[in-house]
Structures are given as structure tokens and as C-alpha cells.
């Protein structure tokens, strides 16, 4: 096995056992669990989202605050993790070092989707036109 292949295999093993690394999904998020804040205005550009509590699957993803709620979005066909939410909407989000238990709800209201799309455009700029037709989730307090 070449050094590159060995290094890649080790990286994938480590990432698969822990937290997400760039675009490589991880498992359970570590950190103190806290009650969700009333104000999500300090959401960093990238957050970590954990789905499937029975076998945690976590990813790095863009997140936005709109009103009192936190949102995440993916392409219109979903992603590897969206079926996990359909099965069990229980999720956890990590911002910085703290983890918040939440419940993911699919946004099916056009006005809400448009409002949140505007927030994505304001936060992330050009290249966010996909959000208008995305599968979007509102992450609610349990």
C-alpha cells in the first residue's frame, strides 16, 4: 500500500469514528449539552449537525438563523442524512463547543422557504440560489 493510500485510509478511519472532518461525515458530537438559546444570531458559517441518534451520523453544514429559529438546507433531492431525519427527527447541533438537542422539521411553506432563502443569500452571498429549491429543515427546540 502506498503512503498516500495508507494516510487516506487512516484519515477516513479517524473521521468515521469521531466528528465530521470537512466533507467527511462523523459520528456522535462531543461537548456539553445545553438548552437551545432563545437567540440564534451568533451562528457561525459552518455548524455541525448530528442525525440518527441510534447510530449517530454527523456532518458540517451551513446554518442560518431566521427569526427565533435555526435552519439547514440541502439539495432538492436531499442528501445521505435526510432519510435519517425522516425516520427520527431528533437531531443535535454543535456550535463552537456546545451541543444543542433539537427536532428537525421539513419546511413546506413557500413563504417561510423564501424568507430563509433571503437569509442564506445575505449570509453566504453569491452561489446560494440552490436554497430556493432546497430541502430545508427548521431545527426546533424539543
N, C-alpha and C. Protein backbone atom coordinates (compact mmCIF):
# COMPACT_ATOMS: atom_id res chain seq x y z
N UNK A 1 0.85 -1.17 0.00
CA UNK A 1 0.00 0.00 0.00
C UNK A 1 0.91 1.24 0.00
N UNK A 2 0.57 2.21 -0.82
CA UNK A 2 1.37 3.43 -0.89
C UNK A 2 1.14 4.27 0.36
N UNK A 3 2.04 5.17 0.61
CA UNK A 3 1.90 6.06 1.77
C UNK A 3 0.63 6.89 1.68
N UNK A 4 0.33 7.36 0.47
CA UNK A 4 -0.88 8.16 0.28
C UNK A 4 -2.12 7.34 0.61
N UNK A 5 -2.18 6.12 0.11
CA UNK A 5 -3.34 5.27 0.36
C UNK A 5 -3.47 4.96 1.85
N UNK A 6 -2.35 4.71 2.51
CA UNK A 6 -2.37 4.43 3.94
C UNK A 6 -2.82 5.66 4.72
N UNK A 7 -2.31 6.83 4.36
CA UNK A 7 -2.71 8.07 5.03
C UNK A 7 -4.19 8.33 4.83
N UNK A 8 -4.68 8.12 3.62
CA UNK A 8 -6.10 8.32 3.32
C UNK A 8 -6.96 7.35 4.13
N UNK A 9 -6.55 6.08 4.19
CA UNK A 9 -7.30 5.09 4.95
C UNK A 9 -7.35 5.47 6.43
N UNK A 10 -6.22 5.92 6.98
CA UNK A 10 -6.18 6.33 8.38
C UNK A 10 -7.09 7.53 8.62
N UNK A 11 -7.05 8.50 7.72
CA UNK A 11 -7.89 9.69 7.85
C UNK A 11 -9.37 9.32 7.83
N UNK A 12 -9.76 8.45 6.92
CA UNK A 12 -11.15 8.03 6.84
C UNK A 12 -11.57 7.26 8.08
N UNK A 13 -10.68 6.43 8.60
CA UNK A 13 -10.98 5.68 9.81
C UNK A 13 -11.20 6.62 10.98
N UNK A 14 -10.29 7.56 11.17
CA UNK A 14 -10.40 8.51 12.28
C UNK A 14 -11.66 9.35 12.14
N UNK A 15 -11.94 9.84 10.93
CA UNK A 15 -13.12 10.67 10.71
C UNK A 15 -14.40 9.88 10.94
N UNK A 16 -14.42 8.63 10.54
CA UNK A 16 -15.60 7.81 10.70
C UNK A 16 -15.91 7.47 12.14
N UNK A 17 -14.89 7.54 12.99
CA UNK A 17 -15.06 7.19 14.39
C UNK A 17 -15.45 8.39 15.25
N UNK A 18 -15.25 9.58 14.75
CA UNK A 18 -15.48 10.75 15.57
C UNK A 18 -16.37 11.76 14.90
N UNK A 19 -15.92 12.97 14.95
CA UNK A 19 -16.71 14.08 14.45
C UNK A 19 -16.43 14.32 12.97
N UNK A 20 -17.34 15.03 12.31
CA UNK A 20 -17.13 15.28 10.87
C UNK A 20 -15.86 16.09 10.63
N UNK A 21 -15.22 15.78 9.52
CA UNK A 21 -13.98 16.45 9.15
C UNK A 21 -14.17 16.97 7.74
N UNK A 22 -14.26 18.29 7.60
CA UNK A 22 -14.53 18.94 6.32
C UNK A 22 -15.78 18.33 5.70
N UNK A 23 -15.65 17.55 4.62
CA UNK A 23 -16.82 16.96 3.96
C UNK A 23 -17.01 15.49 4.32
N UNK A 24 -16.18 14.96 5.21
CA UNK A 24 -16.28 13.56 5.61
C UNK A 24 -17.18 13.48 6.85
N UNK A 25 -18.27 12.71 6.77
CA UNK A 25 -19.18 12.62 7.92
C UNK A 25 -18.51 11.93 9.11
N UNK A 26 -19.06 12.19 10.28
CA UNK A 26 -18.55 11.58 11.50
C UNK A 26 -19.68 10.94 12.28
N UNK A 27 -19.42 10.71 13.55
CA UNK A 27 -20.40 10.08 14.43
C UNK A 27 -20.95 11.06 15.45
N UNK A 28 -21.00 10.61 16.69
CA UNK A 28 -21.58 11.42 17.76
C UNK A 28 -20.75 12.67 18.04
N UNK A 29 -21.44 13.78 18.22
CA UNK A 29 -20.78 15.04 18.53
C UNK A 29 -20.47 15.11 20.02
N UNK A 30 -19.26 15.54 20.33
CA UNK A 30 -18.84 15.68 21.72
C UNK A 30 -19.04 17.11 22.18
N UNK A 31 -19.21 17.27 23.47
CA UNK A 31 -19.34 18.61 24.05
C UNK A 31 -20.48 18.65 25.04
N UNK A 32 -20.46 19.67 25.88
CA UNK A 32 -21.52 19.79 26.87
C UNK A 32 -22.86 20.09 26.19
N UNK A 33 -23.88 19.36 26.61
CA UNK A 33 -25.21 19.57 26.04
C UNK A 33 -25.90 20.68 26.81
N UNK A 34 -26.46 21.62 26.06
CA UNK A 34 -27.12 22.79 26.64
C UNK A 34 -28.52 22.93 26.05
N UNK A 35 -29.35 23.68 26.76
CA UNK A 35 -30.67 24.04 26.24
C UNK A 35 -30.46 25.04 25.11
N UNK A 36 -31.24 24.90 24.06
CA UNK A 36 -31.10 25.79 22.89
C UNK A 36 -31.31 27.24 23.29
N UNK A 37 -30.50 28.13 22.75
CA UNK A 37 -30.66 29.55 23.10
C UNK A 37 -31.94 30.13 22.50
N UNK A 38 -32.42 31.19 23.10
CA UNK A 38 -33.59 31.89 22.57
C UNK A 38 -33.22 32.68 21.31
N UNK A 39 -31.95 33.01 21.19
CA UNK A 39 -31.46 33.83 20.08
C UNK A 39 -30.33 33.09 19.36
N UNK A 40 -30.53 32.79 18.08
CA UNK A 40 -29.53 32.09 17.29
C UNK A 40 -28.67 33.05 16.47
N UNK A 41 -28.65 34.31 16.80
CA UNK A 41 -27.97 35.30 15.95
C UNK A 41 -26.46 35.09 15.83
N UNK A 42 -25.85 34.33 16.72
CA UNK A 42 -24.41 34.12 16.68
C UNK A 42 -24.03 32.79 16.02
N UNK A 43 -24.77 32.38 15.02
CA UNK A 43 -24.50 31.12 14.33
C UNK A 43 -23.28 31.30 13.42
N UNK A 44 -22.23 30.47 13.61
CA UNK A 44 -21.06 30.58 12.74
C UNK A 44 -21.40 30.13 11.32
N UNK A 45 -20.48 30.36 10.39
CA UNK A 45 -20.73 29.97 8.99
C UNK A 45 -21.00 28.48 8.84
N UNK A 46 -20.24 27.66 9.53
CA UNK A 46 -20.42 26.22 9.45
C UNK A 46 -20.79 25.69 10.83
N UNK A 47 -21.83 24.87 10.86
CA UNK A 47 -22.23 24.23 12.11
C UNK A 47 -22.11 22.72 11.91
N UNK A 48 -22.25 21.99 13.00
CA UNK A 48 -22.22 20.53 12.90
C UNK A 48 -23.59 20.00 13.29
N UNK A 49 -24.12 19.13 12.44
CA UNK A 49 -25.45 18.56 12.62
C UNK A 49 -25.33 17.06 12.79
N UNK A 50 -25.89 16.54 13.88
CA UNK A 50 -25.89 15.10 14.15
C UNK A 50 -27.30 14.58 13.97
N UNK A 51 -27.45 13.53 13.18
CA UNK A 51 -28.74 12.88 12.96
C UNK A 51 -28.63 11.43 13.45
N UNK A 52 -29.70 10.70 13.35
CA UNK A 52 -29.77 9.27 13.67
C UNK A 52 -29.20 8.95 15.05
N UNK A 53 -29.95 9.27 16.10
CA UNK A 53 -29.46 9.05 17.47
C UNK A 53 -29.04 7.60 17.75
N UNK A 54 -29.68 6.63 17.11
CA UNK A 54 -29.35 5.22 17.36
C UNK A 54 -27.96 4.84 16.86
N UNK A 55 -27.46 5.53 15.86
CA UNK A 55 -26.13 5.31 15.29
C UNK A 55 -25.69 6.66 14.73
N UNK A 56 -25.24 7.57 15.58
CA UNK A 56 -25.02 8.96 15.19
C UNK A 56 -24.22 9.16 13.90
N UNK A 57 -24.75 10.06 13.09
CA UNK A 57 -24.15 10.44 11.81
C UNK A 57 -24.13 11.97 11.80
N UNK A 58 -22.94 12.54 11.73
CA UNK A 58 -22.84 13.99 11.80
C UNK A 58 -22.11 14.56 10.59
N UNK A 59 -22.46 15.80 10.27
CA UNK A 59 -21.89 16.49 9.11
C UNK A 59 -21.60 17.95 9.46
N UNK A 60 -20.76 18.55 8.67
CA UNK A 60 -20.57 20.00 8.69
C UNK A 60 -21.51 20.57 7.65
N UNK A 61 -22.21 21.64 8.01
CA UNK A 61 -23.21 22.20 7.10
C UNK A 61 -23.38 23.70 7.39
N UNK A 62 -23.82 24.43 6.38
CA UNK A 62 -24.16 25.83 6.58
C UNK A 62 -25.46 25.90 7.37
N UNK A 63 -25.55 26.86 8.26
CA UNK A 63 -26.77 27.07 9.02
C UNK A 63 -27.05 28.55 9.15
N UNK A 64 -28.33 28.89 9.20
CA UNK A 64 -28.72 30.29 9.35
C UNK A 64 -29.79 30.43 10.42
N UNK A 65 -29.79 31.61 11.03
CA UNK A 65 -30.83 31.97 11.97
C UNK A 65 -31.81 32.88 11.24
N UNK A 66 -33.08 32.56 11.36
CA UNK A 66 -34.13 33.41 10.78
C UNK A 66 -35.22 33.51 11.84
N UNK A 67 -35.39 34.70 12.35
CA UNK A 67 -36.31 34.87 13.46
C UNK A 67 -35.76 34.14 14.66
N UNK A 68 -36.58 33.37 15.32
CA UNK A 68 -36.17 32.62 16.51
C UNK A 68 -35.65 31.22 16.18
N UNK A 69 -35.58 30.89 14.91
CA UNK A 69 -35.28 29.52 14.52
C UNK A 69 -33.95 29.39 13.80
N UNK A 70 -33.42 28.17 13.84
CA UNK A 70 -32.20 27.79 13.15
C UNK A 70 -32.60 26.89 11.98
N UNK A 71 -31.94 27.07 10.82
CA UNK A 71 -32.27 26.32 9.62
C UNK A 71 -31.03 25.72 8.99
N UNK A 72 -31.23 24.57 8.33
CA UNK A 72 -30.23 23.97 7.46
C UNK A 72 -30.94 23.57 6.17
N UNK A 73 -30.17 23.46 5.10
CA UNK A 73 -30.76 23.10 3.81
C UNK A 73 -29.80 22.22 3.04
N UNK A 74 -30.37 21.44 2.14
CA UNK A 74 -29.59 20.61 1.24
C UNK A 74 -30.27 20.63 -0.12
N UNK A 75 -29.73 19.96 -1.09
CA UNK A 75 -30.32 19.97 -2.43
C UNK A 75 -31.77 19.50 -2.43
N UNK A 76 -32.48 19.74 -3.52
CA UNK A 76 -33.90 19.40 -3.58
C UNK A 76 -34.18 17.90 -3.43
N UNK A 77 -33.21 17.07 -3.75
CA UNK A 77 -33.39 15.61 -3.63
C UNK A 77 -32.92 15.09 -2.27
N UNK A 78 -32.42 15.98 -1.42
CA UNK A 78 -31.92 15.56 -0.12
C UNK A 78 -30.45 15.17 -0.18
N UNK A 79 -30.00 14.49 0.86
CA UNK A 79 -28.60 14.07 0.98
C UNK A 79 -28.58 12.74 1.73
N UNK A 80 -27.40 12.22 1.97
CA UNK A 80 -27.29 10.94 2.69
C UNK A 80 -28.00 10.97 4.04
N UNK A 81 -28.01 12.12 4.69
CA UNK A 81 -28.55 12.22 6.05
C UNK A 81 -30.03 12.52 6.11
N UNK A 82 -30.65 12.97 5.04
CA UNK A 82 -32.07 13.34 5.12
C UNK A 82 -33.00 12.17 5.43
N UNK A 83 -32.74 10.95 4.95
CA UNK A 83 -33.62 9.84 5.36
C UNK A 83 -33.56 9.56 6.86
N UNK A 84 -32.43 9.86 7.48
CA UNK A 84 -32.33 9.65 8.93
C UNK A 84 -33.30 10.57 9.65
N UNK A 85 -33.45 11.79 9.17
CA UNK A 85 -34.38 12.74 9.78
C UNK A 85 -35.82 12.31 9.52
N UNK A 86 -36.09 11.75 8.36
CA UNK A 86 -37.44 11.27 8.08
C UNK A 86 -37.83 10.14 9.03
N UNK A 87 -36.85 9.31 9.40
CA UNK A 87 -37.09 8.20 10.32
C UNK A 87 -37.20 8.68 11.76
N UNK A 88 -36.31 9.59 12.15
CA UNK A 88 -36.30 10.12 13.51
C UNK A 88 -35.85 11.58 13.44
N UNK A 89 -36.74 12.53 13.71
CA UNK A 89 -36.38 13.95 13.57
C UNK A 89 -35.50 14.50 14.69
N UNK A 90 -35.11 13.65 15.64
CA UNK A 90 -34.25 14.09 16.73
C UNK A 90 -32.85 14.36 16.18
N UNK A 91 -32.36 15.56 16.38
CA UNK A 91 -31.02 15.94 15.92
C UNK A 91 -30.31 16.66 17.05
N UNK A 92 -29.01 16.83 16.87
CA UNK A 92 -28.22 17.65 17.78
C UNK A 92 -27.34 18.54 16.91
N UNK A 93 -27.13 19.76 17.37
CA UNK A 93 -26.31 20.73 16.64
C UNK A 93 -25.20 21.19 17.56
N UNK A 94 -23.99 21.27 17.02
CA UNK A 94 -22.90 21.83 17.81
C UNK A 94 -22.47 23.14 17.19
N UNK A 95 -22.45 24.17 18.04
CA UNK A 95 -21.93 25.48 17.69
C UNK A 95 -20.75 25.70 18.62
N UNK A 96 -19.58 25.90 18.04
CA UNK A 96 -18.36 26.02 18.84
C UNK A 96 -18.20 24.74 19.65
N UNK A 97 -18.31 24.81 20.97
CA UNK A 97 -18.08 23.64 21.82
C UNK A 97 -19.36 23.07 22.43
N UNK A 98 -20.48 23.77 22.27
CA UNK A 98 -21.71 23.35 22.93
C UNK A 98 -22.64 22.63 21.96
N UNK A 99 -23.35 21.64 22.51
CA UNK A 99 -24.26 20.80 21.72
C UNK A 99 -25.69 21.07 22.17
N UNK A 100 -26.58 21.22 21.19
CA UNK A 100 -27.98 21.54 21.48
C UNK A 100 -28.89 20.46 20.91
N UNK A 101 -29.71 19.82 21.74
CA UNK A 101 -30.69 18.86 21.22
C UNK A 101 -31.86 19.61 20.59
N UNK A 102 -32.22 19.20 19.38
CA UNK A 102 -33.28 19.86 18.63
C UNK A 102 -34.12 18.83 17.88
N UNK A 103 -35.12 19.31 17.19
CA UNK A 103 -36.00 18.47 16.37
C UNK A 103 -36.08 19.09 14.99
N UNK A 104 -35.79 18.31 13.95
CA UNK A 104 -35.80 18.81 12.58
C UNK A 104 -37.20 18.67 11.99
N UNK A 105 -37.68 19.77 11.40
CA UNK A 105 -39.00 19.80 10.77
C UNK A 105 -38.81 20.28 9.33
N UNK A 106 -39.28 19.49 8.38
CA UNK A 106 -39.19 19.86 6.97
C UNK A 106 -40.03 21.10 6.71
N UNK A 107 -39.44 22.09 6.08
CA UNK A 107 -40.16 23.32 5.74
C UNK A 107 -40.94 23.07 4.46
N UNK A 108 -42.26 23.20 4.54
CA UNK A 108 -43.08 23.01 3.34
C UNK A 108 -43.93 24.23 3.01
N UNK A 109 -43.63 25.35 3.66
CA UNK A 109 -44.34 26.59 3.42
C UNK A 109 -43.49 27.48 2.50
N UNK A 110 -44.03 27.88 1.37
CA UNK A 110 -43.28 28.66 0.38
C UNK A 110 -42.81 30.01 0.93
N UNK A 111 -43.63 30.66 1.73
CA UNK A 111 -43.24 31.96 2.30
C UNK A 111 -42.06 31.81 3.26
N UNK A 112 -42.11 30.77 4.10
CA UNK A 112 -41.01 30.53 5.02
C UNK A 112 -39.73 30.18 4.26
N UNK A 113 -39.86 29.34 3.24
CA UNK A 113 -38.70 28.97 2.42
C UNK A 113 -38.09 30.21 1.76
N UNK A 114 -38.91 31.09 1.24
CA UNK A 114 -38.41 32.31 0.59
C UNK A 114 -37.72 33.23 1.60
N UNK A 115 -38.30 33.36 2.77
CA UNK A 115 -37.71 34.21 3.82
C UNK A 115 -36.34 33.68 4.24
N UNK A 116 -36.24 32.38 4.43
CA UNK A 116 -34.97 31.78 4.85
C UNK A 116 -33.95 31.80 3.71
N UNK A 117 -34.41 31.65 2.49
CA UNK A 117 -33.51 31.74 1.33
C UNK A 117 -32.84 33.11 1.30
N UNK A 118 -33.59 34.15 1.58
CA UNK A 118 -33.03 35.51 1.63
C UNK A 118 -31.94 35.60 2.70
N UNK A 119 -32.16 34.97 3.84
CA UNK A 119 -31.16 34.99 4.91
C UNK A 119 -29.90 34.25 4.46
N UNK A 120 -30.05 33.13 3.78
CA UNK A 120 -28.89 32.41 3.23
C UNK A 120 -28.10 33.30 2.27
N UNK A 121 -28.82 33.99 1.39
CA UNK A 121 -28.16 34.87 0.42
C UNK A 121 -27.42 36.00 1.11
N UNK A 122 -28.02 36.57 2.16
CA UNK A 122 -27.37 37.66 2.90
C UNK A 122 -26.12 37.16 3.63
N UNK A 123 -26.20 35.97 4.18
CA UNK A 123 -25.08 35.44 4.96
C UNK A 123 -23.95 34.90 4.09
N UNK A 124 -24.29 34.14 3.05
CA UNK A 124 -23.27 33.44 2.27
C UNK A 124 -22.99 34.04 0.90
N UNK A 125 -23.84 34.94 0.44
CA UNK A 125 -23.60 35.63 -0.82
C UNK A 125 -23.93 34.82 -2.06
N UNK A 126 -23.22 35.13 -3.15
CA UNK A 126 -23.47 34.51 -4.46
C UNK A 126 -23.31 32.99 -4.36
N UNK A 127 -24.04 32.30 -5.21
CA UNK A 127 -23.95 30.85 -5.26
C UNK A 127 -24.90 30.14 -4.32
N UNK A 128 -25.85 30.86 -3.77
CA UNK A 128 -26.82 30.24 -2.86
C UNK A 128 -28.21 30.12 -3.49
N UNK A 129 -28.30 30.28 -4.80
CA UNK A 129 -29.60 30.21 -5.47
C UNK A 129 -30.25 28.82 -5.33
N UNK A 130 -29.45 27.79 -5.05
CA UNK A 130 -29.97 26.43 -4.86
C UNK A 130 -30.89 26.34 -3.64
N UNK A 131 -30.72 27.24 -2.69
CA UNK A 131 -31.51 27.18 -1.45
C UNK A 131 -33.00 27.38 -1.74
N UNK A 132 -33.33 28.15 -2.76
CA UNK A 132 -34.73 28.42 -3.09
C UNK A 132 -35.51 27.14 -3.41
N UNK A 133 -34.82 26.13 -3.91
CA UNK A 133 -35.48 24.86 -4.25
C UNK A 133 -34.98 23.71 -3.39
N UNK A 134 -34.37 24.05 -2.27
CA UNK A 134 -33.75 23.03 -1.43
C UNK A 134 -34.75 22.27 -0.57
N UNK A 135 -34.25 21.19 -0.01
CA UNK A 135 -34.95 20.50 1.07
C UNK A 135 -34.43 21.23 2.32
N UNK A 136 -35.30 21.96 2.98
CA UNK A 136 -34.92 22.83 4.10
C UNK A 136 -35.54 22.32 5.39
N UNK A 137 -34.76 22.41 6.46
CA UNK A 137 -35.25 21.97 7.77
C UNK A 137 -35.14 23.09 8.78
N UNK A 138 -36.22 23.28 9.53
CA UNK A 138 -36.22 24.19 10.68
C UNK A 138 -35.85 23.31 11.89
N UNK A 139 -34.86 23.75 12.65
CA UNK A 139 -34.41 22.99 13.81
C UNK A 139 -35.02 23.61 15.05
N UNK A 140 -36.03 22.93 15.57
CA UNK A 140 -36.83 23.46 16.67
C UNK A 140 -36.36 22.94 18.02
N UNK A 141 -36.66 23.70 19.04
CA UNK A 141 -36.42 23.25 20.40
C UNK A 141 -37.40 22.11 20.70
N UNK A 142 -36.90 21.07 21.39
CA UNK A 142 -37.81 19.93 21.66
C UNK A 142 -38.93 20.27 22.65
